[in-house]
PDB file of N, CA and C in Angstrom:
ATOM      1  N   MET A   1      -2.991  17.098 -39.907  1.00  0.00           N
ATOM      2  CA  MET A   1      -2.375  16.698 -38.661  1.00  0.00           C
ATOM      3  C   MET A   1      -3.125  17.366 -37.505  1.00  0.00           C
ATOM      4  N   ALA A   2      -3.358  16.619 -36.428  1.00  0.00           N
ATOM      5  CA  ALA A   2      -4.093  17.155 -35.295  1.00  0.00           C
ATOM      6  C   ALA A   2      -3.208  18.076 -34.472  1.00  0.00           C
ATOM      7  N   VAL A   3      -3.717  19.260 -34.199  1.00  0.00           N
ATOM      8  CA  VAL A   3      -2.992  20.252 -33.421  1.00  0.00           C
ATOM      9  C   VAL A   3      -3.918  20.752 -32.315  1.00  0.00           C
ATOM     10  N   PRO A   4      -3.425  20.912 -31.069  1.00  0.00           N
ATOM     11  CA  PRO A   4      -4.287  21.404 -30.000  1.00  0.00           C
ATOM     12  C   PRO A   4      -4.804  22.810 -30.295  1.00  0.00           C
ATOM     13  N   LYS A   5      -6.078  23.050 -30.005  1.00  0.00           N
ATOM     14  CA  LYS A   5      -6.660  24.358 -30.251  1.00  0.00           C
ATOM     15  C   LYS A   5      -6.271  25.350 -29.168  1.00  0.00           C
ATOM     16  N   ARG A   6      -6.121  24.870 -27.914  1.00  0.00           N
ATOM     17  CA  ARG A   6      -5.767  25.730 -26.788  1.00  0.00           C
ATOM     18  C   ARG A   6      -4.569  25.159 -26.033  1.00  0.00           C
ATOM     19  N   LYS A   7      -3.833  26.045 -25.380  1.00  0.00           N
ATOM     20  CA  LYS A   7      -2.697  25.624 -24.555  1.00  0.00           C
ATOM     21  C   LYS A   7      -3.223  24.878 -23.320  1.00  0.00           C
ATOM     22  N   THR A   8      -2.587  23.770 -22.982  1.00  0.00           N
ATOM     23  CA  THR A   8      -2.955  23.028 -21.781  1.00  0.00           C
ATOM     24  C   THR A   8      -2.417  23.785 -20.578  1.00  0.00           C
ATOM     25  N   SER A   9      -3.306  24.085 -19.632  1.00  0.00           N
ATOM     26  CA  SER A   9      -2.899  24.858 -18.462  1.00  0.00           C
ATOM     27  C   SER A   9      -2.010  24.024 -17.551  1.00  0.00           C
ATOM     28  N   LYS A  10      -1.250  24.724 -16.697  1.00  0.00           N
ATOM     29  CA  LYS A  10      -0.364  24.025 -15.757  1.00  0.00           C
ATOM     30  C   LYS A  10      -1.175  23.161 -14.796  1.00  0.00           C
ATOM     31  N   GLN A  11      -2.336  23.658 -14.399  1.00  0.00           N
ATOM     32  CA  GLN A  11      -3.177  22.913 -13.464  1.00  0.00           C
ATOM     33  C   GLN A  11      -3.662  21.595 -14.088  1.00  0.00           C
ATOM     34  N   ARG A  12      -4.121  21.649 -15.315  1.00  0.00           N
ATOM     35  CA  ARG A  12      -4.609  20.438 -15.996  1.00  0.00           C
ATOM     36  C   ARG A  12      -3.470  19.459 -16.245  1.00  0.00           C
ATOM     37  N   ARG A  13      -2.314  19.975 -16.645  1.00  0.00           N
ATOM     38  CA  ARG A  13      -1.142  19.131 -16.882  1.00  0.00           C
ATOM     39  C   ARG A  13      -0.710  18.426 -15.599  1.00  0.00           C
ATOM     40  N   ASP A  14      -0.637  19.173 -14.486  1.00  0.00           N
ATOM     41  CA  ASP A  14      -0.202  18.601 -13.222  1.00  0.00           C
ATOM     42  C   ASP A  14      -1.226  17.632 -12.657  1.00  0.00           C
ATOM     43  N   LYS A  15      -2.508  17.883 -12.890  1.00  0.00           N
ATOM     44  CA  LYS A  15      -3.549  16.952 -12.443  1.00  0.00           C
ATOM     45  C   LYS A  15      -3.396  15.599 -13.126  1.00  0.00           C
ATOM     46  N   ARG A  16      -3.057  15.643 -14.386  1.00  0.00           N
ATOM     47  CA  ARG A  16      -2.873  14.408 -15.153  1.00  0.00           C
ATOM     48  C   ARG A  16      -1.659  13.634 -14.655  1.00  0.00           C
ATOM     49  N   ARG A  17      -0.597  14.338 -14.278  1.00  0.00           N
ATOM     50  CA  ARG A  17       0.636  13.682 -13.834  1.00  0.00           C
ATOM     51  C   ARG A  17       0.580  13.227 -12.375  1.00  0.00           C
ATOM     52  N   ALA A  18      -0.367  13.710 -11.604  1.00  0.00           N
ATOM     53  CA  ALA A  18      -0.389  13.472 -10.156  1.00  0.00           C
ATOM     54  C   ALA A  18      -0.532  11.994  -9.801  1.00  0.00           C
ATOM     55  N   SER A  19      -1.212  11.209 -10.625  1.00  0.00           N
ATOM     56  CA  SER A  19      -1.470   9.817 -10.272  1.00  0.00           C
ATOM     57  C   SER A  19      -0.194   8.990 -10.243  1.00  0.00           C
ATOM     58  N   SER A  20       0.821   9.389 -11.010  1.00  0.00           N
ATOM     59  CA  SER A  20       2.049   8.606 -11.027  1.00  0.00           C
ATOM     60  C   SER A  20       2.940   8.906  -9.826  1.00  0.00           C
ATOM     61  N   TYR A  21       2.674  10.008  -9.113  1.00  0.00           N
ATOM     62  CA  TYR A  21       3.482  10.373  -7.958  1.00  0.00           C
ATOM     63  C   TYR A  21       2.822   9.990  -6.637  1.00  0.00           C
ATOM     64  N   ARG A  22       1.652   9.366  -6.687  1.00  0.00           N
ATOM     65  CA  ARG A  22       0.906   9.030  -5.476  1.00  0.00           C
ATOM     66  C   ARG A  22       1.641   7.949  -4.682  1.00  0.00           C
ATOM     67  N   LEU A  23       1.632   8.066  -3.364  1.00  0.00           N
ATOM     68  CA  LEU A  23       2.253   7.056  -2.511  1.00  0.00           C
ATOM     69  C   LEU A  23       1.401   5.796  -2.506  1.00  0.00           C
ATOM     70  N   LYS A  24       2.046   4.662  -2.491  1.00  0.00           N
ATOM     71  CA  LYS A  24       1.323   3.397  -2.486  1.00  0.00           C
ATOM     72  C   LYS A  24       0.799   3.109  -1.081  1.00  0.00           C
ATOM     73  N   THR A  25      -0.421   2.626  -1.008  1.00  0.00           N
ATOM     74  CA  THR A  25      -0.985   2.228   0.279  1.00  0.00           C
ATOM     75  C   THR A  25      -1.036   0.712   0.320  1.00  0.00           C
ATOM     76  N   TYR A  26      -0.658   0.157   1.437  1.00  0.00           N
ATOM     77  CA  TYR A  26      -0.621  -1.283   1.580  1.00  0.00           C
ATOM     78  C   TYR A  26      -1.762  -1.739   2.463  1.00  0.00           C
ATOM     79  N   ALA A  27      -2.371  -2.854   2.096  1.00  0.00           N
ATOM     80  CA  ALA A  27      -3.449  -3.411   2.896  1.00  0.00           C
ATOM     81  C   ALA A  27      -2.869  -4.016   4.161  1.00  0.00           C
ATOM     82  N   THR A  28      -3.545  -3.799   5.273  1.00  0.00           N
ATOM     83  CA  THR A  28      -3.128  -4.412   6.525  1.00  0.00           C
ATOM     84  C   THR A  28      -4.299  -5.161   7.120  1.00  0.00           C
ATOM     85  N   VAL A  29      -3.994  -6.237   7.818  1.00  0.00           N
ATOM     86  CA  VAL A  29      -5.000  -7.017   8.526  1.00  0.00           C
ATOM     87  C   VAL A  29      -4.582  -7.105   9.989  1.00  0.00           C
ATOM     88  N   VAL A  30      -5.524  -7.484  10.830  1.00  0.00           N
ATOM     89  CA  VAL A  30      -5.235  -7.617  12.253  1.00  0.00           C
ATOM     90  C   VAL A  30      -4.830  -9.057  12.533  1.00  0.00           C
ATOM     91  N   CYS A  31      -3.732  -9.235  13.252  1.00  0.00           N
ATOM     92  CA  CYS A  31      -3.266 -10.574  13.614  1.00  0.00           C
ATOM     93  C   CYS A  31      -4.261 -11.192  14.598  1.00  0.00           C
ATOM     94  N   PRO A  32      -4.755 -12.400  14.336  1.00  0.00           N
ATOM     95  CA  PRO A  32      -5.720 -13.008  15.254  1.00  0.00           C
ATOM     96  C   PRO A  32      -5.107 -13.418  16.594  1.00  0.00           C
ATOM     97  N   GLN A  33      -3.788 -13.572  16.661  1.00  0.00           N
ATOM     98  CA  GLN A  33      -3.139 -13.979  17.912  1.00  0.00           C
ATOM     99  C   GLN A  33      -2.921 -12.790  18.848  1.00  0.00           C
ATOM    100  N   CYS A  34      -2.281 -11.735  18.333  1.00  0.00           N
ATOM    101  CA  CYS A  34      -1.902 -10.623  19.211  1.00  0.00           C
ATOM    102  C   CYS A  34      -2.691  -9.340  18.954  1.00  0.00           C
ATOM    103  N   GLY A  35      -3.408  -9.256  17.838  1.00  0.00           N
ATOM    104  CA  GLY A  35      -4.220  -8.079  17.561  1.00  0.00           C
ATOM    105  C   GLY A  35      -3.476  -6.918  16.933  1.00  0.00           C
ATOM    106  N   GLN A  36      -2.210  -7.098  16.591  1.00  0.00           N
ATOM    107  CA  GLN A  36      -1.421  -6.043  15.970  1.00  0.00           C
ATOM    108  C   GLN A  36      -1.636  -6.057  14.452  1.00  0.00           C
ATOM    109  N   PRO A  37      -1.540  -4.896  13.784  1.00  0.00           N
ATOM    110  CA  PRO A  37      -1.664  -4.889  12.323  1.00  0.00           C
ATOM    111  C   PRO A  37      -0.449  -5.541  11.670  1.00  0.00           C
ATOM    112  N   LYS A  38      -0.699  -6.261  10.572  1.00  0.00           N
ATOM    113  CA  LYS A  38       0.374  -6.928   9.833  1.00  0.00           C
ATOM    114  C   LYS A  38      -0.019  -7.004   8.373  1.00  0.00           C
ATOM    115  N   LEU A  39       0.942  -7.301   7.519  1.00  0.00           N
ATOM    116  CA  LEU A  39       0.653  -7.477   6.101  1.00  0.00           C
ATOM    117  C   LEU A  39      -0.014  -8.833   5.893  1.00  0.00           C
ATOM    118  N   PRO A  40      -0.977  -8.927   4.981  1.00  0.00           N
ATOM    119  CA  PRO A  40      -1.642 -10.204   4.758  1.00  0.00           C
ATOM    120  C   PRO A  40      -0.698 -11.246   4.159  1.00  0.00           C
ATOM    121  N   HIS A  41      -0.895 -12.510   4.507  1.00  0.00           N
ATOM    122  CA  HIS A  41      -0.115 -13.649   4.020  1.00  0.00           C
ATOM    123  C   HIS A  41       1.354 -13.550   4.413  1.00  0.00           C
ATOM    124  N   ARG A  42       1.629 -12.947   5.568  1.00  0.00           N
ATOM    125  CA  ARG A  42       2.982 -12.842   6.097  1.00  0.00           C
ATOM    126  C   ARG A  42       2.974 -13.272   7.558  1.00  0.00           C
ATOM    127  N   VAL A  43       4.129 -13.676   8.058  1.00  0.00           N
ATOM    128  CA  VAL A  43       4.277 -14.001   9.472  1.00  0.00           C
ATOM    129  C   VAL A  43       4.171 -12.697  10.255  1.00  0.00           C
ATOM    130  N   CYS A  44       3.465 -12.733  11.369  1.00  0.00           N
ATOM    131  CA  CYS A  44       3.324 -11.541  12.204  1.00  0.00           C
ATOM    132  C   CYS A  44       4.679 -11.205  12.825  1.00  0.00           C
ATOM    133  N   PRO A  45       5.195  -9.991  12.614  1.00  0.00           N
ATOM    134  CA  PRO A  45       6.501  -9.646  13.181  1.00  0.00           C
ATOM    135  C   PRO A  45       6.458  -9.483  14.700  1.00  0.00           C
ATOM    136  N   ASN A  46       5.264  -9.301  15.258  1.00  0.00           N
ATOM    137  CA  ASN A  46       5.140  -9.081  16.692  1.00  0.00           C
ATOM    138  C   ASN A  46       5.155 -10.397  17.475  1.00  0.00           C
ATOM    139  N   CYS A  47       4.321 -11.368  17.055  1.00  0.00           N
ATOM    140  CA  CYS A  47       4.212 -12.611  17.822  1.00  0.00           C
ATOM    141  C   CYS A  47       4.820 -13.819  17.116  1.00  0.00           C
ATOM    142  N   GLY A  48       5.083 -13.742  15.817  1.00  0.00           N
ATOM    143  CA  GLY A  48       5.714 -14.837  15.092  1.00  0.00           C
ATOM    144  C   GLY A  48       4.772 -15.923  14.635  1.00  0.00           C
ATOM    145  N   TYR A  49       3.459 -15.672  14.673  1.00  0.00           N
ATOM    146  CA  TYR A  49       2.482 -16.680  14.266  1.00  0.00           C
ATOM    147  C   TYR A  49       2.062 -16.469  12.819  1.00  0.00           C
ATOM    148  N   TYR A  50       1.747 -17.585  12.147  1.00  0.00           N
ATOM    149  CA  TYR A  50       1.157 -17.547  10.814  1.00  0.00           C
ATOM    150  C   TYR A  50       0.208 -18.732  10.696  1.00  0.00           C
ATOM    151  N   ASP A  51      -1.026 -18.469  10.314  1.00  0.00           N
ATOM    152  CA  ASP A  51      -2.044 -19.499  10.114  1.00  0.00           C
ATOM    153  C   ASP A  51      -2.255 -20.328  11.389  1.00  0.00           C
ATOM    154  N   GLY A  52      -2.209 -19.669  12.550  1.00  0.00           N
ATOM    155  CA  GLY A  52      -2.470 -20.341  13.817  1.00  0.00           C
ATOM    156  C   GLY A  52      -1.303 -21.144  14.372  1.00  0.00           C
ATOM    157  N   LYS A  53      -0.171 -21.124  13.686  1.00  0.00           N
ATOM    158  CA  LYS A  53       0.991 -21.892  14.150  1.00  0.00           C
ATOM    159  C   LYS A  53       2.156 -20.949  14.404  1.00  0.00           C
ATOM    160  N   GLU A  54       2.964 -21.244  15.420  1.00  0.00           N
ATOM    161  CA  GLU A  54       4.132 -20.415  15.710  1.00  0.00           C
ATOM    162  C   GLU A  54       5.239 -20.795  14.732  1.00  0.00           C
ATOM    163  N   VAL A  55       5.632 -19.846  13.913  1.00  0.00           N
ATOM    164  CA  VAL A  55       6.653 -20.073  12.887  1.00  0.00           C
ATOM    165  C   VAL A  55       8.005 -19.557  13.367  1.00  0.00           C
ATOM    166  N   ILE A  56       7.999 -18.400  13.988  1.00  0.00           N
ATOM    167  CA  ILE A  56       9.218 -17.773  14.505  1.00  0.00           C
ATOM    168  C   ILE A  56       9.065 -17.627  15.997  1.00  0.00           C
ATOM    169  N   ALA A  57      10.065 -18.046  16.749  1.00  0.00           N
ATOM    170  CA  ALA A  57      10.012 -17.889  18.194  1.00  0.00           C
ATOM    171  C   ALA A  57      10.240 -16.418  18.537  1.00  0.00           C
ATOM    172  N   ALA A  58       9.223 -15.784  19.112  1.00  0.00           N
ATOM    173  CA  ALA A  58       9.319 -14.363  19.495  1.00  0.00           C
ATOM    174  C   ALA A  58       9.671 -14.265  20.970  1.00  0.00           C
ATOM    175  N   GLU A  59      10.339 -13.166  21.327  1.00  0.00           N
ATOM    176  CA  GLU A  59      10.735 -13.013  22.726  1.00  0.00           C
ATOM    177  C   GLU A  59       9.556 -12.612  23.608  1.00  0.00           C
TER     178      GLU A  59
END
């Protein structure tokens, strides 16, 4: 049966676990109408445009 030869250090153990606790980063694009950052393939929350057409009437 395979048995570890040395104890795994706390640093090595925590380094291995760190990837599961990382915050997710979301891609953002610039809205061609107003220039504000927005999520891709979504209606711009600032101006209400999507694909060059006004979808939501913004104030």
